[in-house]
Structures are given as C-alpha cells and as structure tokens.
Amino acid sequence: MQHSRSGALAALGAFMLWGVFGLYFKALGAIPAPEILAHRILGGALFAALLMAVFGGFAEIRVLLTDRARLWRLGASALAIAVNWGVFVWAVAHGRALEASLGYYIYPLVAVLLGRVLLGETMTRRQGAAVLLVAVGVGWQASHGDGVPWLALVLAVSFGIYGLLRKTIAVPALAGLLVETAWLIPLALGYLLVTGGGAAPELGGGMLALLALAGPVTAVPLALFAFGARRLKLSTIGLMMYLNPTLQMLVAVFALNETFTTAHAVTFAAIWAGVALYAWPSRG
C-alpha cells in the first residue's frame, strides 16, 4: 500500500509538470526543435547525474554496465522518449499543442491495450468499450478535422512504448534516466557539432538561462514517472495520465490561443466519455 501511494504521488507530480510545459517550450519557439531536443538530452543527463550525486545510486550504474540486456532495453526506451520529446517540442513551436494534447488523451488507452496484450493485465468489457469510444473519437477527427491525427498518434504510441519498457525494466528511476540520456548524448552532441552550436551562440542571457532549464525540465518529471511506473499497474498510470492532456489542452486554448474547433469538441467528448466509462467504479 505504501509503495502504491508513493508511486501515485510521483506519477501525479510528473503529469502536472508535463501538463504546463507547453508554456516553457513555446517561450523557446525561436530555437529549432532538434536543438531544444539536444539540450534536453544533455541537460537531462547532467541533472540526473547531479541528483544521483546527492541521493546516491552510482553503484547501480556500475551494475547496469555489466548487464547488456538491461542496457539494450534502456536504449530502446531512450529512443521512444526521444521521439516523444522531439515531436512534442515541434508541435508546440508550430501551433499544434492542442493536437499534442489529443495524443496524450489517447496514450492511456494505448497503455491499457499494451498492458492487456503484453502484460496480461485484465480488461473488462466496459473497459474494452472505453477503448472503442476513444477509437471513435480519433476516427471522427480523421474524417471531420484535418485528417488522421498522425502527430497525436505518434505521441501516444511512443509514450505508451516508453511506459511499457520502464515498467518492465528493473532499474531505479534515476539510474535508468541517466543511462537513457547517456544513450542519446552522441546524437545530441553530433547535432550541435554539425550546426556549430545551433542558435545558442546568438541568444541573449535571458534565453540562455531559459534554455539551461531544459535539464531539470526533462529530468524531474521523467524520474517521477519512472518511479511511479514501477509501483503502479500500467492501466492505473494510464488513467492518471489524463491530468496531463487536460492541462495541455487548457494551456493550448487559453494561453497559446489555439482554436478549439467543432471537430475537436466531438473528438474530445468521445475520448472523455471513454475515460468516464473506464474509470466508473465496478459494482460489488
């Protein structure tokens, strides 16, 4: 019970932080998305190492370096989260934060399906109907909106794969995060070297300070999520995740001034109905 409570609090903190990060990435909109991703990787690795220096855990890194199976699986989770980060940053910078929020509404049902198919987690007929309602919402957006919401689907699937991997890899949250970002460091450094440091050398002090926050912005919620994922059912994490896209949607509409269309209204209504059906307490 104590593990479940601490896991729920950690996951809740991660989802609340992710929900408002659109404001942060919008403020960095003048910087290309790949460059922001590179700084997220490098800053996240540095901040994770600093946290481990404070709280301990480097002994686990030495153990991980001798475990090729876990190292490769963390490499796969690193790739999944890098895709997710990059697509989300690009979406916010290009005025598509609302579509990004749709992706995170879809993710929890992806998590339910992955949990059912790959982990043998149970799913009732009512929960299956909830998944179907979400599929109807996505289908409506595809036929009455701007076509198939590929951006939203990429975000949902990439984060679903990441959550599945982090749940099934027996590794402490910070140690796993440090190894994941270490896998990505060559890509980040390669991009910055090819672009001559990107836009950063031309930025003023305020923007540089804002960019420097990419480390904690990346590491803190991801570590909280990994901590929670190890202590909760994948389907439970998926249900709690709805706080994230709700905040993202509110930020997109009321802070970033994106247009909420009729197609969006029908799509979100179908997804919210699926959420309500999934979360409705069972009798007895």
Protein backbone atom coordinates (compact mmCIF):
# COMPACT_ATOMS: atom_id res chain seq x y z
CA MET A 1 0.00 0.00 0.00
CA GLN A 2 2.79 2.43 0.87
CA HIS A 3 4.54 1.68 -2.44
CA SER A 4 1.30 2.34 -4.33
CA ARG A 5 0.76 5.65 -2.52
CA SER A 6 4.29 6.90 -3.16
CA GLY A 7 4.07 5.75 -6.78
CA ALA A 8 0.75 7.55 -7.26
CA LEU A 9 2.12 10.80 -5.81
CA ALA A 10 5.21 10.60 -8.02
CA ALA A 11 3.15 9.94 -11.17
CA LEU A 12 0.74 12.75 -10.24
CA GLY A 13 3.64 15.19 -9.94
CA ALA A 14 5.03 14.13 -13.32
CA PHE A 15 1.71 14.57 -15.11
CA MET A 16 1.07 18.00 -13.59
CA LEU A 17 4.51 19.24 -14.62
CA TRP A 18 4.17 17.85 -18.15
CA GLY A 19 0.75 19.48 -18.43
CA VAL A 20 2.12 23.03 -18.19
CA PHE A 21 5.43 22.55 -20.03
CA GLY A 22 3.87 23.80 -23.26
CA LEU A 23 4.37 27.32 -21.88
CA TYR A 24 8.08 26.64 -21.44
CA PHE A 25 8.64 25.23 -24.92
CA LYS A 26 6.56 27.99 -26.52
CA ALA A 27 8.90 30.52 -24.89
CA LEU A 28 11.76 28.72 -26.69
CA GLY A 29 9.90 28.84 -30.01
CA ALA A 30 12.66 30.81 -31.77
CA ILE A 31 15.04 27.86 -31.31
CA PRO A 32 14.73 24.88 -33.72
CA ALA A 33 13.05 21.83 -32.18
CA PRO A 34 16.05 19.49 -32.79
CA GLU A 35 18.30 21.92 -30.93
CA ILE A 36 15.92 22.08 -27.97
CA LEU A 37 15.85 18.27 -28.01
CA ALA A 38 19.67 18.18 -27.95
CA HIS A 39 19.75 20.47 -24.93
CA ARG A 40 17.04 18.40 -23.22
CA ILE A 41 19.20 15.31 -23.63
CA LEU A 42 22.45 16.90 -22.45
CA GLY A 43 20.82 18.88 -19.66
CA GLY A 44 18.75 15.89 -18.57
CA ALA A 45 21.85 13.69 -18.34
CA LEU A 46 23.72 16.33 -16.32
CA PHE A 47 20.83 16.95 -13.96
CA ALA A 48 20.23 13.22 -13.45
CA ALA A 49 23.93 12.81 -12.59
CA LEU A 50 23.69 15.69 -10.10
CA LEU A 51 20.63 14.14 -8.46
CA MET A 52 22.43 10.81 -8.19
CA ALA A 53 25.44 12.53 -6.64
CA VAL A 54 23.13 13.93 -3.97
CA PHE A 55 20.91 10.90 -3.36
CA GLY A 56 23.31 8.10 -4.34
CA GLY A 57 22.89 5.38 -6.92
CA PHE A 58 26.10 5.28 -8.93
CA ALA A 59 26.67 1.74 -7.66
CA GLU A 60 23.60 0.72 -9.67
CA ILE A 61 25.17 2.28 -12.79
CA ARG A 62 28.20 0.03 -12.38
CA VAL A 63 25.89 -2.97 -12.13
CA LEU A 64 23.95 -1.84 -15.21
CA LEU A 65 27.14 -1.59 -17.25
CA THR A 66 27.63 -5.34 -16.79
CA ASP A 67 24.02 -6.17 -17.75
CA ARG A 68 23.79 -5.96 -21.53
CA ALA A 69 20.13 -6.98 -21.63
CA ARG A 70 19.01 -4.08 -19.43
CA LEU A 71 21.34 -1.68 -21.23
CA TRP A 72 19.83 -2.50 -24.61
CA ARG A 73 16.30 -2.25 -23.28
CA LEU A 74 17.09 1.16 -21.81
CA GLY A 75 18.46 2.08 -25.23
CA ALA A 76 15.06 1.19 -26.70
CA SER A 77 13.23 3.24 -24.07
CA ALA A 78 15.62 6.13 -24.77
CA LEU A 79 14.69 6.04 -28.46
CA ALA A 80 10.97 6.00 -27.63
CA ILE A 81 11.18 9.00 -25.30
CA ALA A 82 13.43 10.93 -27.69
CA VAL A 83 10.78 10.59 -30.42
CA ASN A 84 8.14 11.73 -27.94
CA TRP A 85 10.17 14.74 -26.76
CA GLY A 86 11.06 15.88 -30.26
CA VAL A 87 7.53 15.61 -31.64
CA PHE A 88 6.04 17.45 -28.66
CA VAL A 89 8.53 20.33 -28.87
CA TRP A 90 7.90 20.63 -32.62
CA ALA A 91 4.13 20.58 -32.09
CA VAL A 92 4.18 23.42 -29.55
CA ALA A 93 6.54 25.53 -31.70
CA HIS A 94 4.25 25.10 -34.74
CA GLY A 95 0.95 25.95 -33.04
CA ARG A 96 -0.22 22.35 -32.65
CA ALA A 97 -0.21 22.00 -28.87
CA LEU A 98 -3.90 21.14 -28.96
CA GLU A 99 -3.23 18.17 -31.25
CA ALA A 100 -0.39 17.16 -28.93
CA SER A 101 -2.83 17.14 -26.01
CA LEU A 102 -5.05 14.81 -28.05
CA GLY A 103 -2.11 12.40 -28.27
CA TYR A 104 -1.78 12.28 -24.51
CA TYR A 105 -5.52 11.68 -24.21
CA ILE A 106 -5.10 8.67 -26.49
CA TYR A 107 -2.00 7.39 -24.64
CA PRO A 108 -3.77 5.97 -21.56
CA LEU A 109 -5.89 3.69 -23.71
CA VAL A 110 -2.74 2.65 -25.58
CA ALA A 111 -1.31 1.80 -22.14
CA VAL A 112 -4.42 -0.25 -21.31
CA LEU A 113 -4.10 -2.18 -24.57
CA LEU A 114 -0.38 -2.78 -24.10
CA GLY A 115 -0.97 -3.90 -20.53
CA ARG A 116 -3.68 -6.30 -21.70
CA VAL A 117 -1.84 -7.75 -24.69
CA LEU A 118 1.75 -7.85 -23.42
CA LEU A 119 1.49 -7.99 -19.62
CA GLY A 120 -1.71 -9.98 -19.22
CA GLU A 121 -3.43 -7.23 -17.24
CA THR A 122 -7.17 -7.78 -17.09
CA MET A 123 -9.62 -5.61 -19.03
CA THR A 124 -13.39 -5.85 -18.61
CA ARG A 125 -15.95 -5.47 -21.37
CA ARG A 126 -16.70 -1.99 -20.07
CA GLN A 127 -13.04 -1.04 -20.34
CA GLY A 128 -12.94 -2.53 -23.82
CA ALA A 129 -15.90 -0.32 -24.74
CA ALA A 130 -13.94 2.66 -23.37
CA VAL A 131 -11.10 1.86 -25.76
CA LEU A 132 -13.62 1.67 -28.61
CA LEU A 133 -15.00 5.12 -27.73
CA VAL A 134 -11.52 6.58 -27.96
CA ALA A 135 -11.08 4.92 -31.36
CA VAL A 136 -14.36 6.56 -32.45
CA GLY A 137 -13.01 9.95 -31.31
CA VAL A 138 -9.82 9.50 -33.30
CA GLY A 139 -11.81 8.36 -36.32
CA TRP A 140 -14.04 11.43 -36.11
CA GLN A 141 -11.01 13.72 -36.01
CA ALA A 142 -9.59 11.94 -39.04
CA SER A 143 -12.79 12.29 -41.08
CA HIS A 144 -14.07 15.71 -39.93
CA GLY A 145 -10.88 17.51 -38.84
CA ASP A 146 -7.55 17.80 -40.60
CA GLY A 147 -7.18 14.13 -41.50
CA VAL A 148 -5.59 11.34 -39.48
CA PRO A 149 -4.01 12.96 -36.39
CA TRP A 150 -0.60 11.39 -37.01
CA LEU A 151 1.15 13.72 -34.59
CA ALA A 152 -1.20 12.72 -31.78
CA LEU A 153 -0.85 9.02 -32.61
CA VAL A 154 2.96 9.20 -32.67
CA LEU A 155 2.95 10.88 -29.25
CA ALA A 156 0.52 8.30 -27.83
CA VAL A 157 2.33 5.24 -29.17
CA SER A 158 5.85 6.45 -28.40
CA PHE A 159 4.95 7.26 -24.81
CA GLY A 160 3.00 4.02 -24.49
CA ILE A 161 6.08 2.05 -25.55
CA TYR A 162 8.23 4.08 -23.16
CA GLY A 163 5.90 3.42 -20.23
CA LEU A 164 5.77 -0.29 -21.03
CA LEU A 165 9.56 -0.56 -21.18
CA ARG A 166 10.16 1.42 -17.99
CA LYS A 167 7.63 -0.71 -16.14
CA THR A 168 9.32 -3.95 -17.20
CA ILE A 169 12.98 -2.91 -16.75
CA ALA A 170 14.08 -3.49 -13.16
CA VAL A 171 16.13 -0.35 -12.62
CA PRO A 172 15.86 2.61 -10.18
CA ALA A 173 14.30 5.73 -11.68
CA LEU A 174 17.38 7.99 -11.65
CA ALA A 175 19.81 5.30 -12.77
CA GLY A 176 17.54 4.40 -15.66
CA LEU A 177 17.14 8.03 -16.66
CA LEU A 178 20.90 8.60 -16.62
CA VAL A 179 21.52 5.56 -18.82
CA GLU A 180 18.74 6.56 -21.22
CA THR A 181 20.10 10.07 -21.69
CA ALA A 182 23.64 8.65 -21.99
CA TRP A 183 22.43 6.56 -24.96
CA LEU A 184 21.22 9.78 -26.62
CA ILE A 185 24.23 12.01 -25.85
CA PRO A 186 26.12 11.11 -29.09
CA LEU A 187 23.10 12.18 -31.16
CA ALA A 188 22.76 15.46 -29.23
CA LEU A 189 26.45 16.30 -29.47
CA GLY A 190 26.53 15.33 -33.13
CA TYR A 191 23.68 17.71 -33.93
CA LEU A 192 25.28 20.61 -32.06
CA LEU A 193 28.65 19.99 -33.70
CA VAL A 194 27.16 19.85 -37.20
CA THR A 195 25.20 23.07 -36.61
CA GLY A 196 28.06 24.89 -34.93
CA GLY A 197 26.25 25.08 -31.63
CA GLY A 198 22.93 25.93 -33.24
CA ALA A 199 21.19 29.16 -32.30
CA ALA A 200 22.57 29.23 -28.75
CA PRO A 201 25.65 31.42 -29.50
CA GLU A 202 23.32 34.15 -30.78
CA LEU A 203 20.92 34.11 -27.83
CA GLY A 204 20.72 36.72 -25.11
CA GLY A 205 21.31 35.98 -21.44
CA GLY A 206 17.61 35.52 -20.65
CA MET A 207 17.04 32.96 -23.37
CA LEU A 208 20.24 31.12 -22.48
CA ALA A 209 19.07 30.89 -18.87
CA LEU A 210 15.71 29.59 -20.06
CA LEU A 211 17.41 27.02 -22.27
CA ALA A 212 19.59 25.92 -19.34
CA LEU A 213 16.40 24.87 -17.53
CA ALA A 214 15.94 22.12 -20.13
CA GLY A 215 17.86 19.77 -17.83
CA PRO A 216 15.58 19.86 -14.78
CA VAL A 217 12.51 20.31 -17.01
CA THR A 218 13.43 17.00 -18.64
CA ALA A 219 14.83 15.01 -15.72
CA VAL A 220 12.50 15.77 -12.82
CA PRO A 221 9.13 14.67 -14.28
CA LEU A 222 10.69 11.73 -16.12
CA ALA A 223 12.29 10.45 -12.92
CA LEU A 224 8.97 10.88 -11.09
CA PHE A 225 7.16 8.99 -13.87
CA ALA A 226 9.66 6.13 -13.86
CA PHE A 227 9.38 5.91 -10.06
CA GLY A 228 5.60 5.71 -10.31
CA ALA A 229 5.57 3.28 -13.24
CA ARG A 230 7.50 0.68 -11.23
CA ARG A 231 4.93 0.81 -8.40
CA LEU A 232 1.60 1.01 -10.21
CA LYS A 233 -0.31 -1.04 -12.77
CA LEU A 234 0.24 0.21 -16.31
CA SER A 235 -3.51 0.73 -16.66
CA THR A 236 -3.57 2.80 -13.43
CA ILE A 237 -0.80 5.04 -14.72
CA GLY A 238 -2.70 5.36 -17.97
CA LEU A 239 -5.83 6.56 -16.17
CA MET A 240 -3.90 9.10 -14.05
CA MET A 241 -2.28 10.41 -17.22
CA TYR A 242 -5.48 12.24 -18.17
CA LEU A 243 -4.47 15.12 -15.90
CA ASN A 244 -1.58 15.86 -18.29
CA PRO A 245 -3.55 16.38 -21.55
CA THR A 246 -6.32 18.23 -19.72
CA LEU A 247 -3.79 20.81 -18.55
CA GLN A 248 -2.16 20.79 -22.00
CA MET A 249 -5.50 21.48 -23.67
CA LEU A 250 -6.27 24.37 -21.31
CA VAL A 251 -2.82 25.84 -21.90
CA ALA A 252 -3.17 25.47 -25.69
CA VAL A 253 -6.58 27.16 -25.85
CA PHE A 254 -6.36 29.82 -23.14
CA ALA A 255 -2.63 30.62 -23.02
CA LEU A 256 -1.40 29.82 -26.53
CA ASN A 257 -4.62 30.96 -28.27
CA GLU A 258 -5.09 27.87 -30.44
CA THR A 259 -8.54 27.35 -31.99
CA PHE A 260 -10.83 24.72 -30.49
CA THR A 261 -12.99 23.56 -33.42
CA THR A 262 -16.23 21.59 -33.58
CA ALA A 263 -14.24 18.54 -34.74
CA HIS A 264 -12.05 18.90 -31.67
CA ALA A 265 -15.14 19.15 -29.45
CA VAL A 266 -16.63 15.90 -30.79
CA THR A 267 -13.28 14.10 -30.62
CA PHE A 268 -12.53 15.20 -27.08
CA ALA A 269 -16.11 14.42 -25.99
CA ALA A 270 -15.77 10.84 -27.27
CA ILE A 271 -12.44 10.43 -25.50
CA TRP A 272 -13.73 11.91 -22.24
CA ALA A 273 -16.72 9.55 -22.44
CA GLY A 274 -14.26 6.68 -22.81
CA VAL A 275 -12.34 7.93 -19.78
CA ALA A 276 -15.52 8.13 -17.69
CA LEU A 277 -16.59 4.66 -18.77
CA TYR A 278 -13.17 3.21 -17.98
CA ALA A 279 -12.95 4.91 -14.57
CA TRP A 280 -16.52 4.17 -13.46
CA PRO A 281 -16.39 2.00 -10.31
CA SER A 282 -17.42 -1.61 -10.73
CA ARG A 283 -20.40 -2.86 -8.71
CA GLY A 284 -19.56 -5.06 -5.80
